[in-house]
Amino acid sequence: MLINRCLCLISLLFNISFISCQNYESIHQVVPKKNNDIASITLYSYDGKSESKYFIPSYGHTFLEITNLSNEEIILYYQVIQPQESIVFSWWAIDVHMGIWFNIEPYYIYYYNRYDTRYSTTIYMNHDDLDMVNIYLQTNDKYDPLNNCSKMALKCWNLVAEKSEKIDILFLTTPTYVVRNIKTFDSFSYIKSLNNKGSIGFVDNQVFNEYKMEIK
């Protein structure tokens, strides 16, 4: 009787272990770059844990980077991206402009070591994908708590993602949720460097407004 119980317990533990392992298997597959792809889009997310201090929580941040992989200039939301250069952007609740801001994240990483446990994954885009992203940015340059950086970034990502690369969007989508999903890709990075030298700013009336941030 005791032996049977032990065997049942071992079997149960094995099944739990198997299910647990399954939860960490890759469920998203990156489609290899095609001949007509002209750019890459990288999804970054940071869960905020390393910046939570003295009972003050940090909820993290999600942002995107588009890199020009072609030999010609490409246009992203009225801005030129030169070959092999990038633009970083996300949605921010900043009084000067409640919506899409460009290149804040590389600045924060360089000067303040922010987002120090960020995860990322990269997929590829063609001309049609870039057109869809431009339309999306033009019509979604706004911010509100339910349409935060994570949800808006995922909506943009899913526009160009293949079926195996899409991430489900929740009513309340958080940076932590995005991190968990990035980890389920067959290809992802930890603390990936950002290839960006652009100015911080936002677009207003089809014109890029550069914004100087003070270094503290």
N, C-alpha and C. Protein backbone atom coordinates (compact mmCIF):
# COMPACT_ATOMS: atom_id res chain seq x y z
N MET A 1 0.83 -1.21 0.00
CA MET A 1 0.00 0.00 0.00
C MET A 1 0.87 1.26 0.00
N LEU A 2 1.92 1.24 0.86
CA LEU A 2 2.83 2.39 0.95
C LEU A 2 3.57 2.59 -0.36
N ILE A 3 3.96 1.47 -0.98
CA ILE A 3 4.68 1.56 -2.27
C ILE A 3 3.79 2.19 -3.33
N ASN A 4 2.52 1.79 -3.35
CA ASN A 4 1.58 2.35 -4.33
C ASN A 4 1.41 3.85 -4.14
N ARG A 5 1.34 4.26 -2.85
CA ARG A 5 1.20 5.70 -2.57
C ARG A 5 2.44 6.46 -3.04
N CYS A 6 3.60 5.87 -2.78
CA CYS A 6 4.85 6.51 -3.21
C CYS A 6 4.90 6.64 -4.74
N LEU A 7 4.48 5.57 -5.41
CA LEU A 7 4.47 5.61 -6.88
C LEU A 7 3.51 6.66 -7.40
N CYS A 8 2.35 6.77 -6.76
CA CYS A 8 1.36 7.80 -7.16
C CYS A 8 1.93 9.19 -6.94
N LEU A 9 2.63 9.38 -5.80
CA LEU A 9 3.21 10.69 -5.50
C LEU A 9 4.29 11.05 -6.52
N ILE A 10 5.14 10.07 -6.85
CA ILE A 10 6.19 10.30 -7.85
C ILE A 10 5.58 10.65 -9.20
N SER A 11 4.52 9.92 -9.56
CA SER A 11 3.83 10.18 -10.83
C SER A 11 3.24 11.58 -10.85
N LEU A 12 2.62 11.98 -9.72
CA LEU A 12 2.02 13.31 -9.63
C LEU A 12 3.08 14.40 -9.76
N LEU A 13 4.21 14.22 -9.05
CA LEU A 13 5.29 15.21 -9.12
C LEU A 13 5.86 15.29 -10.53
N PHE A 14 5.97 14.15 -11.20
CA PHE A 14 6.47 14.13 -12.58
C PHE A 14 5.55 14.91 -13.50
N ASN A 15 4.24 14.70 -13.34
CA ASN A 15 3.27 15.39 -14.19
C ASN A 15 3.28 16.89 -13.95
N ILE A 16 3.39 17.28 -12.65
CA ILE A 16 3.46 18.71 -12.33
C ILE A 16 4.70 19.32 -12.95
N SER A 17 5.83 18.60 -12.84
CA SER A 17 7.09 19.08 -13.41
C SER A 17 6.98 19.22 -14.92
N PHE A 18 6.33 18.23 -15.56
CA PHE A 18 6.17 18.26 -17.02
C PHE A 18 5.32 19.45 -17.44
N ILE A 19 4.21 19.69 -16.71
CA ILE A 19 3.34 20.82 -17.03
C ILE A 19 4.08 22.12 -16.83
N SER A 20 4.86 22.19 -15.72
CA SER A 20 5.62 23.41 -15.44
C SER A 20 6.62 23.69 -16.55
N CYS A 21 7.29 22.63 -17.03
CA CYS A 21 8.25 22.82 -18.12
C CYS A 21 7.55 23.29 -19.39
N GLN A 22 6.36 22.76 -19.62
CA GLN A 22 5.62 23.17 -20.81
C GLN A 22 5.33 24.66 -20.81
N ASN A 23 5.08 25.21 -19.60
CA ASN A 23 4.75 26.62 -19.50
C ASN A 23 5.88 27.51 -19.96
N TYR A 24 7.12 26.99 -19.96
CA TYR A 24 8.26 27.80 -20.34
C TYR A 24 8.76 27.49 -21.75
N GLU A 25 8.05 26.63 -22.46
CA GLU A 25 8.44 26.35 -23.84
C GLU A 25 8.12 27.54 -24.73
N SER A 26 8.85 27.65 -25.83
CA SER A 26 8.60 28.73 -26.78
C SER A 26 7.25 28.53 -27.44
N ILE A 27 6.42 29.55 -27.37
CA ILE A 27 5.12 29.48 -28.05
C ILE A 27 5.02 30.52 -29.15
N HIS A 28 6.02 31.40 -29.25
CA HIS A 28 6.06 32.37 -30.33
C HIS A 28 7.33 32.12 -31.16
N GLN A 29 7.18 32.07 -32.46
CA GLN A 29 8.33 31.84 -33.35
C GLN A 29 8.54 33.05 -34.26
N VAL A 30 9.77 33.55 -34.29
CA VAL A 30 10.11 34.66 -35.16
C VAL A 30 10.29 34.15 -36.59
N VAL A 31 9.59 34.78 -37.53
CA VAL A 31 9.71 34.41 -38.94
C VAL A 31 11.01 35.01 -39.49
N PRO A 32 11.86 34.23 -40.15
CA PRO A 32 13.13 34.74 -40.67
C PRO A 32 12.93 35.92 -41.62
N LYS A 33 13.95 36.76 -41.71
CA LYS A 33 13.92 37.93 -42.60
C LYS A 33 13.73 37.49 -44.04
N LYS A 34 12.82 38.19 -44.74
CA LYS A 34 12.56 37.91 -46.15
C LYS A 34 13.31 38.92 -47.03
N ASN A 35 13.40 38.61 -48.33
CA ASN A 35 14.14 39.47 -49.26
C ASN A 35 13.54 40.87 -49.37
N ASN A 36 12.22 40.98 -49.19
CA ASN A 36 11.59 42.29 -49.34
C ASN A 36 11.44 43.04 -48.02
N ASP A 37 12.00 42.52 -46.96
CA ASP A 37 11.96 43.23 -45.67
C ASP A 37 12.97 44.36 -45.68
N ILE A 38 12.54 45.52 -45.20
CA ILE A 38 13.40 46.71 -45.24
C ILE A 38 13.78 47.22 -43.85
N ALA A 39 13.13 46.69 -42.82
CA ALA A 39 13.38 47.20 -41.47
C ALA A 39 13.07 46.12 -40.45
N SER A 40 13.55 46.35 -39.24
CA SER A 40 13.18 45.49 -38.12
C SER A 40 12.45 46.33 -37.08
N ILE A 41 11.60 45.68 -36.31
CA ILE A 41 10.94 46.34 -35.19
C ILE A 41 11.22 45.50 -33.95
N THR A 42 11.73 46.14 -32.92
CA THR A 42 12.08 45.45 -31.67
C THR A 42 11.15 45.91 -30.56
N LEU A 43 10.59 44.94 -29.87
CA LEU A 43 9.70 45.19 -28.73
C LEU A 43 10.51 45.02 -27.45
N TYR A 44 10.59 46.09 -26.65
CA TYR A 44 11.29 46.06 -25.37
C TYR A 44 10.27 46.18 -24.24
N SER A 45 10.52 45.48 -23.15
CA SER A 45 9.68 45.69 -21.97
C SER A 45 10.49 45.45 -20.70
N TYR A 46 10.15 46.23 -19.69
CA TYR A 46 10.84 46.21 -18.39
C TYR A 46 9.78 46.16 -17.31
N ASP A 47 9.91 45.23 -16.36
CA ASP A 47 8.84 45.02 -15.38
C ASP A 47 8.85 45.98 -14.20
N GLY A 48 9.88 46.80 -14.06
CA GLY A 48 9.89 47.82 -13.01
C GLY A 48 10.40 47.38 -11.66
N LYS A 49 10.69 46.10 -11.48
CA LYS A 49 11.04 45.60 -10.14
C LYS A 49 12.30 46.25 -9.59
N SER A 50 13.31 46.46 -10.41
CA SER A 50 14.57 47.00 -9.90
C SER A 50 14.47 48.48 -9.53
N GLU A 51 13.40 49.15 -9.97
CA GLU A 51 13.21 50.57 -9.65
C GLU A 51 12.17 50.79 -8.56
N SER A 52 11.60 49.72 -8.03
CA SER A 52 10.62 49.83 -6.94
C SER A 52 11.36 49.91 -5.61
N LYS A 53 11.16 51.02 -4.88
CA LYS A 53 11.90 51.24 -3.63
C LYS A 53 11.01 51.85 -2.57
N TYR A 54 11.29 51.47 -1.31
CA TYR A 54 10.61 52.07 -0.16
C TYR A 54 9.09 52.04 -0.31
N PHE A 55 8.57 50.90 -0.68
CA PHE A 55 7.13 50.69 -0.81
C PHE A 55 6.49 51.53 -1.93
N ILE A 56 7.34 52.12 -2.78
CA ILE A 56 6.82 52.87 -3.93
C ILE A 56 7.04 52.00 -5.17
N PRO A 57 5.97 51.47 -5.74
CA PRO A 57 6.14 50.54 -6.87
C PRO A 57 6.44 51.26 -8.18
N SER A 58 7.24 50.61 -9.00
CA SER A 58 7.44 51.05 -10.39
C SER A 58 6.79 49.99 -11.26
N TYR A 59 5.93 50.41 -12.16
CA TYR A 59 5.17 49.45 -12.95
C TYR A 59 5.83 49.11 -14.28
N GLY A 60 7.02 49.67 -14.52
CA GLY A 60 7.76 49.31 -15.71
C GLY A 60 7.39 50.13 -16.94
N HIS A 61 7.88 49.67 -18.07
CA HIS A 61 7.70 50.44 -19.31
C HIS A 61 7.89 49.51 -20.51
N THR A 62 7.15 49.79 -21.58
CA THR A 62 7.27 49.06 -22.84
C THR A 62 7.51 50.07 -23.96
N PHE A 63 8.42 49.74 -24.88
CA PHE A 63 8.70 50.66 -25.98
C PHE A 63 9.16 49.89 -27.21
N LEU A 64 9.25 50.59 -28.34
CA LEU A 64 9.58 49.98 -29.62
C LEU A 64 10.78 50.67 -30.26
N GLU A 65 11.50 49.93 -31.08
CA GLU A 65 12.62 50.47 -31.85
C GLU A 65 12.50 49.97 -33.29
N ILE A 66 12.55 50.89 -34.24
CA ILE A 66 12.55 50.51 -35.66
C ILE A 66 13.91 50.84 -36.26
N THR A 67 14.51 49.84 -36.89
CA THR A 67 15.84 49.98 -37.49
C THR A 67 15.74 49.81 -39.00
N ASN A 68 16.35 50.72 -39.73
CA ASN A 68 16.36 50.68 -41.18
C ASN A 68 17.42 49.68 -41.66
N LEU A 69 16.99 48.58 -42.26
CA LEU A 69 17.91 47.55 -42.75
C LEU A 69 18.19 47.68 -44.24
N SER A 70 17.60 48.68 -44.88
CA SER A 70 17.76 48.85 -46.32
C SER A 70 18.94 49.78 -46.63
N ASN A 71 19.15 50.02 -47.91
CA ASN A 71 20.22 50.94 -48.34
C ASN A 71 19.69 52.33 -48.66
N GLU A 72 18.43 52.57 -48.36
CA GLU A 72 17.81 53.87 -48.64
C GLU A 72 17.14 54.41 -47.38
N GLU A 73 16.86 55.71 -47.40
CA GLU A 73 16.14 56.32 -46.29
C GLU A 73 14.72 55.75 -46.21
N ILE A 74 14.21 55.64 -44.99
CA ILE A 74 12.80 55.32 -44.81
C ILE A 74 12.19 56.39 -43.90
N ILE A 75 10.88 56.55 -43.98
CA ILE A 75 10.19 57.58 -43.20
C ILE A 75 9.33 56.91 -42.13
N LEU A 76 9.50 57.37 -40.90
CA LEU A 76 8.65 56.93 -39.80
C LEU A 76 8.05 58.17 -39.15
N TYR A 77 6.75 58.34 -39.33
CA TYR A 77 6.00 59.43 -38.70
C TYR A 77 6.71 60.78 -38.89
N TYR A 78 6.92 61.14 -40.16
CA TYR A 78 7.50 62.42 -40.58
C TYR A 78 8.98 62.56 -40.19
N GLN A 79 9.62 61.47 -39.87
CA GLN A 79 11.05 61.51 -39.56
C GLN A 79 11.81 60.56 -40.48
N VAL A 80 13.01 60.96 -40.84
CA VAL A 80 13.85 60.15 -41.72
C VAL A 80 14.73 59.23 -40.88
N ILE A 81 14.75 57.95 -41.25
CA ILE A 81 15.69 57.01 -40.65
C ILE A 81 16.70 56.62 -41.73
N GLN A 82 17.95 56.96 -41.50
CA GLN A 82 19.01 56.62 -42.44
C GLN A 82 19.31 55.12 -42.39
N PRO A 83 19.94 54.58 -43.45
CA PRO A 83 20.30 53.15 -43.44
C PRO A 83 21.10 52.77 -42.20
N GLN A 84 20.73 51.66 -41.60
CA GLN A 84 21.38 51.10 -40.42
C GLN A 84 21.21 51.95 -39.16
N GLU A 85 20.32 52.92 -39.19
CA GLU A 85 20.02 53.71 -37.99
C GLU A 85 18.62 53.38 -37.48
N SER A 86 18.32 53.86 -36.28
CA SER A 86 17.08 53.48 -35.60
C SER A 86 16.37 54.67 -34.99
N ILE A 87 15.09 54.49 -34.73
CA ILE A 87 14.29 55.42 -33.94
C ILE A 87 13.56 54.61 -32.88
N VAL A 88 13.57 55.14 -31.66
CA VAL A 88 12.90 54.50 -30.53
C VAL A 88 11.68 55.35 -30.17
N PHE A 89 10.57 54.70 -29.82
CA PHE A 89 9.39 55.49 -29.46
C PHE A 89 8.47 54.71 -28.53
N SER A 90 7.66 55.47 -27.81
CA SER A 90 6.64 54.87 -26.96
C SER A 90 5.61 55.94 -26.62
N TRP A 91 4.64 55.54 -25.80
CA TRP A 91 3.55 56.43 -25.40
C TRP A 91 3.79 56.89 -23.97
N TRP A 92 3.75 58.23 -23.77
CA TRP A 92 4.08 58.82 -22.48
C TRP A 92 2.99 59.79 -22.03
N ALA A 93 2.82 59.85 -20.70
CA ALA A 93 1.92 60.84 -20.10
C ALA A 93 2.77 62.02 -19.62
N ILE A 94 3.18 62.85 -20.56
CA ILE A 94 3.99 64.04 -20.27
C ILE A 94 3.17 65.26 -20.64
N ASP A 95 3.12 66.24 -19.74
CA ASP A 95 2.24 67.39 -19.93
C ASP A 95 2.44 68.09 -21.26
N VAL A 96 3.69 68.22 -21.68
CA VAL A 96 3.98 68.93 -22.92
C VAL A 96 3.32 68.25 -24.12
N HIS A 97 3.27 66.93 -24.07
CA HIS A 97 2.63 66.16 -25.15
C HIS A 97 2.20 64.81 -24.60
N MET A 98 0.91 64.58 -24.52
CA MET A 98 0.37 63.31 -24.02
C MET A 98 0.22 62.35 -25.21
N GLY A 99 1.25 61.56 -25.45
CA GLY A 99 1.19 60.67 -26.60
C GLY A 99 2.56 60.09 -26.92
N ILE A 100 2.86 60.02 -28.22
CA ILE A 100 4.09 59.38 -28.68
C ILE A 100 5.29 60.31 -28.51
N TRP A 101 6.31 59.79 -27.84
CA TRP A 101 7.59 60.49 -27.71
C TRP A 101 8.68 59.61 -28.33
N PHE A 102 9.67 60.29 -28.90
CA PHE A 102 10.77 59.59 -29.57
C PHE A 102 12.07 59.73 -28.79
N ASN A 103 12.77 58.61 -28.67
CA ASN A 103 14.16 58.56 -28.21
C ASN A 103 14.37 58.94 -26.75
N ILE A 104 13.34 58.90 -25.93
CA ILE A 104 13.52 59.12 -24.49
C ILE A 104 14.28 57.95 -23.86
N GLU A 105 13.93 56.74 -24.24
CA GLU A 105 14.47 55.56 -23.58
C GLU A 105 15.99 55.42 -23.71
N PRO A 106 16.61 55.63 -24.88
CA PRO A 106 18.07 55.56 -24.95
C PRO A 106 18.74 56.58 -24.04
N TYR A 107 18.13 57.75 -23.93
CA TYR A 107 18.63 58.82 -23.05
C TYR A 107 18.60 58.35 -21.60
N TYR A 108 17.48 57.80 -21.17
CA TYR A 108 17.35 57.32 -19.80
C TYR A 108 18.31 56.17 -19.51
N ILE A 109 18.50 55.29 -20.47
CA ILE A 109 19.42 54.17 -20.27
C ILE A 109 20.86 54.67 -20.16
N TYR A 110 21.25 55.59 -21.02
CA TYR A 110 22.63 56.08 -21.04
C TYR A 110 22.98 56.89 -19.79
N TYR A 111 22.09 57.82 -19.41
CA TYR A 111 22.41 58.72 -18.30
C TYR A 111 22.02 58.17 -16.93
N TYR A 112 20.99 57.35 -16.86
CA TYR A 112 20.47 56.92 -15.56
C TYR A 112 20.41 55.40 -15.38
N ASN A 113 20.86 54.64 -16.38
CA ASN A 113 20.82 53.18 -16.31
C ASN A 113 19.41 52.66 -16.01
N ARG A 114 18.42 53.28 -16.62
CA ARG A 114 17.03 52.84 -16.44
C ARG A 114 16.78 51.56 -17.24
N TYR A 115 15.67 50.91 -16.93
CA TYR A 115 15.23 49.69 -17.65
C TYR A 115 16.34 48.64 -17.68
N ASP A 116 17.00 48.47 -16.53
CA ASP A 116 18.23 47.66 -16.49
C ASP A 116 17.99 46.15 -16.56
N THR A 117 16.75 45.71 -16.51
CA THR A 117 16.46 44.28 -16.69
C THR A 117 15.47 44.08 -17.83
N ARG A 118 15.62 44.86 -18.87
CA ARG A 118 14.69 44.82 -20.00
C ARG A 118 14.89 43.56 -20.85
N TYR A 119 13.78 43.09 -21.39
CA TYR A 119 13.79 41.99 -22.35
C TYR A 119 13.29 42.51 -23.69
N SER A 120 13.71 41.86 -24.76
CA SER A 120 13.29 42.32 -26.09
C SER A 120 13.27 41.17 -27.08
N THR A 121 12.50 41.37 -28.14
CA THR A 121 12.50 40.44 -29.27
C THR A 121 12.28 41.24 -30.54
N THR A 122 12.78 40.73 -31.66
CA THR A 122 12.81 41.48 -32.91
C THR A 122 12.16 40.68 -34.04
N ILE A 123 11.36 41.39 -34.85
CA ILE A 123 10.79 40.80 -36.07
C ILE A 123 11.06 41.76 -37.24
N TYR A 124 10.61 41.39 -38.44
CA TYR A 124 10.99 42.14 -39.64
C TYR A 124 9.77 42.72 -40.35
N MET A 125 10.02 43.81 -41.10
CA MET A 125 8.96 44.57 -41.75
C MET A 125 9.29 44.84 -43.21
N ASN A 126 8.26 44.86 -44.06
CA ASN A 126 8.43 45.31 -45.44
C ASN A 126 7.80 46.69 -45.62
N HIS A 127 7.75 47.18 -46.85
CA HIS A 127 7.21 48.52 -47.12
C HIS A 127 5.76 48.64 -46.67
N ASP A 128 4.96 47.63 -46.96
CA ASP A 128 3.55 47.67 -46.57
C ASP A 128 3.40 47.73 -45.05
N ASP A 129 4.24 46.98 -44.35
CA ASP A 129 4.20 47.01 -42.88
C ASP A 129 4.53 48.41 -42.37
N LEU A 130 5.55 49.02 -42.96
CA LEU A 130 5.94 50.36 -42.54
C LEU A 130 4.81 51.36 -42.78
N ASP A 131 4.12 51.22 -43.89
CA ASP A 131 2.97 52.09 -44.17
C ASP A 131 1.90 51.94 -43.10
N MET A 132 1.64 50.70 -42.67
CA MET A 132 0.64 50.46 -41.63
C MET A 132 1.06 51.08 -40.30
N VAL A 133 2.34 50.97 -39.98
CA VAL A 133 2.84 51.58 -38.75
C VAL A 133 2.68 53.09 -38.79
N ASN A 134 2.99 53.70 -39.93
CA ASN A 134 2.85 55.15 -40.06
C ASN A 134 1.40 55.60 -39.87
N ILE A 135 0.48 54.87 -40.47
CA ILE A 135 -0.94 55.21 -40.30
C ILE A 135 -1.35 55.06 -38.84
N TYR A 136 -0.87 54.00 -38.21
CA TYR A 136 -1.20 53.75 -36.80
C TYR A 136 -0.68 54.88 -35.91
N LEU A 137 0.55 55.31 -36.13
CA LEU A 137 1.12 56.37 -35.30
C LEU A 137 0.38 57.69 -35.52
N GLN A 138 0.02 57.97 -36.76
CA GLN A 138 -0.70 59.21 -37.06
C GLN A 138 -2.07 59.26 -36.38
N THR A 139 -2.70 58.12 -36.22
CA THR A 139 -4.07 58.09 -35.67
C THR A 139 -4.11 57.71 -34.19
N ASN A 140 -2.96 57.41 -33.61
CA ASN A 140 -2.93 56.98 -32.21
C ASN A 140 -1.88 57.72 -31.39
N ASP A 141 -1.66 58.98 -31.74
CA ASP A 141 -0.70 59.79 -30.99
C ASP A 141 -1.43 60.41 -29.79
N LYS A 142 -1.72 59.59 -28.80
CA LYS A 142 -2.47 60.01 -27.61
C LYS A 142 -2.19 59.02 -26.49
N TYR A 143 -2.54 59.41 -25.28
CA TYR A 143 -2.28 58.56 -24.13
C TYR A 143 -3.44 58.63 -23.15
N ASP A 144 -3.80 57.47 -22.59
CA ASP A 144 -4.68 57.44 -21.43
C ASP A 144 -4.35 56.17 -20.65
N PRO A 145 -4.74 56.09 -19.37
CA PRO A 145 -4.31 54.97 -18.52
C PRO A 145 -4.66 53.58 -19.06
N LEU A 146 -5.80 53.44 -19.74
CA LEU A 146 -6.18 52.13 -20.26
C LEU A 146 -5.50 51.83 -21.59
N ASN A 147 -5.04 52.88 -22.26
CA ASN A 147 -4.27 52.70 -23.51
C ASN A 147 -2.85 53.18 -23.24
N ASN A 148 -2.19 52.43 -22.37
CA ASN A 148 -0.87 52.82 -21.90
C ASN A 148 0.22 52.39 -22.89
N CYS A 149 1.47 52.57 -22.47
CA CYS A 149 2.60 52.26 -23.36
C CYS A 149 2.57 50.80 -23.80
N SER A 150 2.24 49.89 -22.90
CA SER A 150 2.26 48.46 -23.23
C SER A 150 1.19 48.09 -24.24
N LYS A 151 -0.03 48.55 -24.00
CA LYS A 151 -1.12 48.20 -24.92
C LYS A 151 -0.91 48.82 -26.29
N MET A 152 -0.50 50.09 -26.33
CA MET A 152 -0.32 50.77 -27.61
C MET A 152 0.85 50.18 -28.39
N ALA A 153 1.93 49.83 -27.68
CA ALA A 153 3.08 49.21 -28.35
C ALA A 153 2.71 47.84 -28.92
N LEU A 154 1.93 47.06 -28.16
CA LEU A 154 1.53 45.74 -28.66
C LEU A 154 0.60 45.85 -29.86
N LYS A 155 -0.29 46.83 -29.86
CA LYS A 155 -1.17 47.02 -31.01
C LYS A 155 -0.34 47.33 -32.25
N CYS A 156 0.68 48.15 -32.09
CA CYS A 156 1.57 48.48 -33.21
C CYS A 156 2.33 47.23 -33.66
N TRP A 157 2.86 46.50 -32.72
CA TRP A 157 3.59 45.25 -33.00
C TRP A 157 2.73 44.26 -33.77
N ASN A 158 1.51 44.06 -33.30
CA ASN A 158 0.63 43.06 -33.93
C ASN A 158 0.21 43.44 -35.34
N LEU A 159 0.27 44.73 -35.68
CA LEU A 159 -0.05 45.15 -37.04
C LEU A 159 0.87 44.49 -38.07
N VAL A 160 2.13 44.34 -37.70
CA VAL A 160 3.13 43.85 -38.66
C VAL A 160 3.58 42.42 -38.36
N ALA A 161 3.20 41.90 -37.21
CA ALA A 161 3.65 40.56 -36.80
C ALA A 161 2.95 39.47 -37.61
N GLU A 162 3.69 38.42 -37.90
CA GLU A 162 3.09 37.21 -38.48
C GLU A 162 2.29 36.50 -37.38
N LYS A 163 1.49 35.51 -37.78
CA LYS A 163 0.62 34.82 -36.82
C LYS A 163 1.41 34.28 -35.63
N SER A 164 2.57 33.70 -35.89
CA SER A 164 3.37 33.09 -34.82
C SER A 164 4.07 34.12 -33.95
N GLU A 165 4.00 35.41 -34.35
CA GLU A 165 4.69 36.47 -33.61
C GLU A 165 3.73 37.37 -32.84
N LYS A 166 2.45 37.22 -33.07
CA LYS A 166 1.46 38.10 -32.43
C LYS A 166 1.33 37.78 -30.94
N ILE A 167 1.05 38.82 -30.16
CA ILE A 167 0.86 38.69 -28.71
C ILE A 167 -0.55 39.14 -28.36
N ASP A 168 -1.25 38.32 -27.60
CA ASP A 168 -2.61 38.68 -27.19
C ASP A 168 -2.61 39.96 -26.36
N ILE A 169 -3.61 40.80 -26.57
CA ILE A 169 -3.74 42.06 -25.83
C ILE A 169 -4.88 41.93 -24.83
N LEU A 170 -4.60 42.26 -23.58
CA LEU A 170 -5.59 42.19 -22.52
C LEU A 170 -6.25 43.55 -22.32
N PHE A 171 -7.37 43.56 -21.61
CA PHE A 171 -8.02 44.83 -21.26
C PHE A 171 -7.05 45.70 -20.47
N LEU A 172 -6.35 45.08 -19.51
CA LEU A 172 -5.31 45.76 -18.76
C LEU A 172 -3.98 45.10 -19.10
N THR A 173 -3.26 45.69 -20.02
CA THR A 173 -1.98 45.15 -20.48
C THR A 173 -0.85 45.90 -19.79
N THR A 174 0.03 45.18 -19.13
CA THR A 174 1.10 45.79 -18.34
C THR A 174 2.47 45.43 -18.91
N PRO A 175 3.52 46.19 -18.54
CA PRO A 175 4.87 45.82 -18.96
C PRO A 175 5.28 44.43 -18.49
N THR A 176 4.85 44.04 -17.29
CA THR A 176 5.17 42.70 -16.79
C THR A 176 4.56 41.62 -17.67
N TYR A 177 3.34 41.84 -18.11
CA TYR A 177 2.69 40.90 -19.03
C TYR A 177 3.48 40.79 -20.34
N VAL A 178 3.96 41.92 -20.84
CA VAL A 178 4.73 41.91 -22.09
C VAL A 178 6.05 41.17 -21.89
N VAL A 179 6.71 41.40 -20.75
CA VAL A 179 7.95 40.68 -20.46
C VAL A 179 7.72 39.17 -20.49
N ARG A 180 6.66 38.72 -19.84
CA ARG A 180 6.37 37.28 -19.81
C ARG A 180 6.19 36.73 -21.22
N ASN A 181 5.54 37.48 -22.08
CA ASN A 181 5.33 37.02 -23.45
C ASN A 181 6.60 37.04 -24.27
N ILE A 182 7.43 38.06 -24.08
CA ILE A 182 8.70 38.12 -24.80
C ILE A 182 9.54 36.88 -24.49
N LYS A 183 9.50 36.43 -23.25
CA LYS A 183 10.28 35.26 -22.84
C LYS A 183 9.79 33.96 -23.49
N THR A 184 8.61 33.99 -24.08
CA THR A 184 8.10 32.78 -24.75
C THR A 184 8.46 32.74 -26.23
N PHE A 185 9.21 33.73 -26.72
CA PHE A 185 9.67 33.71 -28.11
C PHE A 185 10.87 32.77 -28.23
N ASP A 186 11.02 32.17 -29.40
CA ASP A 186 12.17 31.30 -29.63
C ASP A 186 13.46 32.10 -29.77
N SER A 187 13.33 33.41 -29.89
CA SER A 187 14.50 34.28 -29.97
C SER A 187 14.20 35.58 -29.23
N PHE A 188 14.89 35.80 -28.11
CA PHE A 188 14.73 37.06 -27.38
C PHE A 188 16.07 37.45 -26.75
N SER A 189 16.17 38.71 -26.34
CA SER A 189 17.42 39.23 -25.78
C SER A 189 17.18 39.82 -24.39
N TYR A 190 18.25 39.87 -23.62
CA TYR A 190 18.22 40.47 -22.28
C TYR A 190 19.21 41.63 -22.26
N ILE A 191 18.75 42.79 -21.90
CA ILE A 191 19.55 44.02 -21.84
C ILE A 191 20.21 44.30 -23.19
N LYS A 192 19.47 44.19 -24.25
CA LYS A 192 19.98 44.50 -25.59
C LYS A 192 20.28 46.00 -25.69
N SER A 193 21.42 46.34 -26.30
CA SER A 193 21.77 47.74 -26.51
C SER A 193 20.86 48.36 -27.56
N LEU A 194 20.62 49.66 -27.42
CA LEU A 194 19.78 50.37 -28.38
C LEU A 194 20.67 51.13 -29.36
N ASN A 195 20.43 50.92 -30.65
CA ASN A 195 21.21 51.57 -31.70
C ASN A 195 20.54 52.88 -32.09
N ASN A 196 20.74 53.91 -31.26
CA ASN A 196 20.00 55.15 -31.49
C ASN A 196 20.81 56.37 -31.09
N LYS A 197 20.80 57.39 -31.95
CA LYS A 197 21.48 58.65 -31.66
C LYS A 197 20.56 59.84 -31.92
N GLY A 198 19.27 59.58 -32.04
CA GLY A 198 18.34 60.62 -32.43
C GLY A 198 17.97 61.57 -31.31
N SER A 199 17.32 62.65 -31.70
CA SER A 199 16.90 63.67 -30.74
C SER A 199 15.61 63.25 -30.05
N ILE A 200 15.46 63.70 -28.81
CA ILE A 200 14.21 63.49 -28.07
C ILE A 200 13.18 64.49 -28.59
N GLY A 201 11.94 64.04 -28.72
CA GLY A 201 10.91 64.97 -29.16
C GLY A 201 9.61 64.27 -29.50
N PHE A 202 8.70 65.04 -30.08
CA PHE A 202 7.38 64.53 -30.46
C PHE A 202 6.94 65.23 -31.74
N VAL A 203 5.92 64.69 -32.38
CA VAL A 203 5.40 65.26 -33.62
C VAL A 203 4.12 66.03 -33.32
N ASP A 204 4.05 67.24 -33.86
CA ASP A 204 2.85 68.07 -33.72
C ASP A 204 2.60 68.76 -35.05
N ASN A 205 1.40 68.58 -35.61
CA ASN A 205 1.07 69.16 -36.91
C ASN A 205 2.09 68.77 -37.98
N GLN A 206 2.46 67.50 -37.98
CA GLN A 206 3.37 66.91 -38.97
C GLN A 206 4.79 67.46 -38.89
N VAL A 207 5.14 68.09 -37.77
CA VAL A 207 6.49 68.64 -37.58
C VAL A 207 7.09 68.05 -36.31
N PHE A 208 8.34 67.60 -36.40
CA PHE A 208 9.03 67.07 -35.23
C PHE A 208 9.51 68.22 -34.35
N ASN A 209 9.12 68.18 -33.08
CA ASN A 209 9.52 69.19 -32.11
C ASN A 209 10.58 68.60 -31.17
N GLU A 210 11.80 69.08 -31.30
CA GLU A 210 12.87 68.59 -30.44
C GLU A 210 12.68 69.14 -29.03
N TYR A 211 12.97 68.29 -28.04
CA TYR A 211 12.76 68.67 -26.65
C TYR A 211 14.04 68.39 -25.86
N LYS A 212 14.55 69.40 -25.19
CA LYS A 212 15.78 69.25 -24.41
C LYS A 212 15.43 68.89 -22.97
N MET A 213 15.93 67.75 -22.52
CA MET A 213 15.71 67.34 -21.14
C MET A 213 16.94 67.66 -20.31
N GLU A 214 16.70 68.13 -19.08
CA GLU A 214 17.80 68.46 -18.20
C GLU A 214 18.42 67.18 -17.62
N ILE A 215 19.73 67.18 -17.52
CA ILE A 215 20.45 66.06 -16.90
C ILE A 215 20.61 66.36 -15.42
N LYS A 216 20.10 65.48 -14.58
CA LYS A 216 20.17 65.69 -13.12
C LYS A 216 21.12 64.68 -12.50
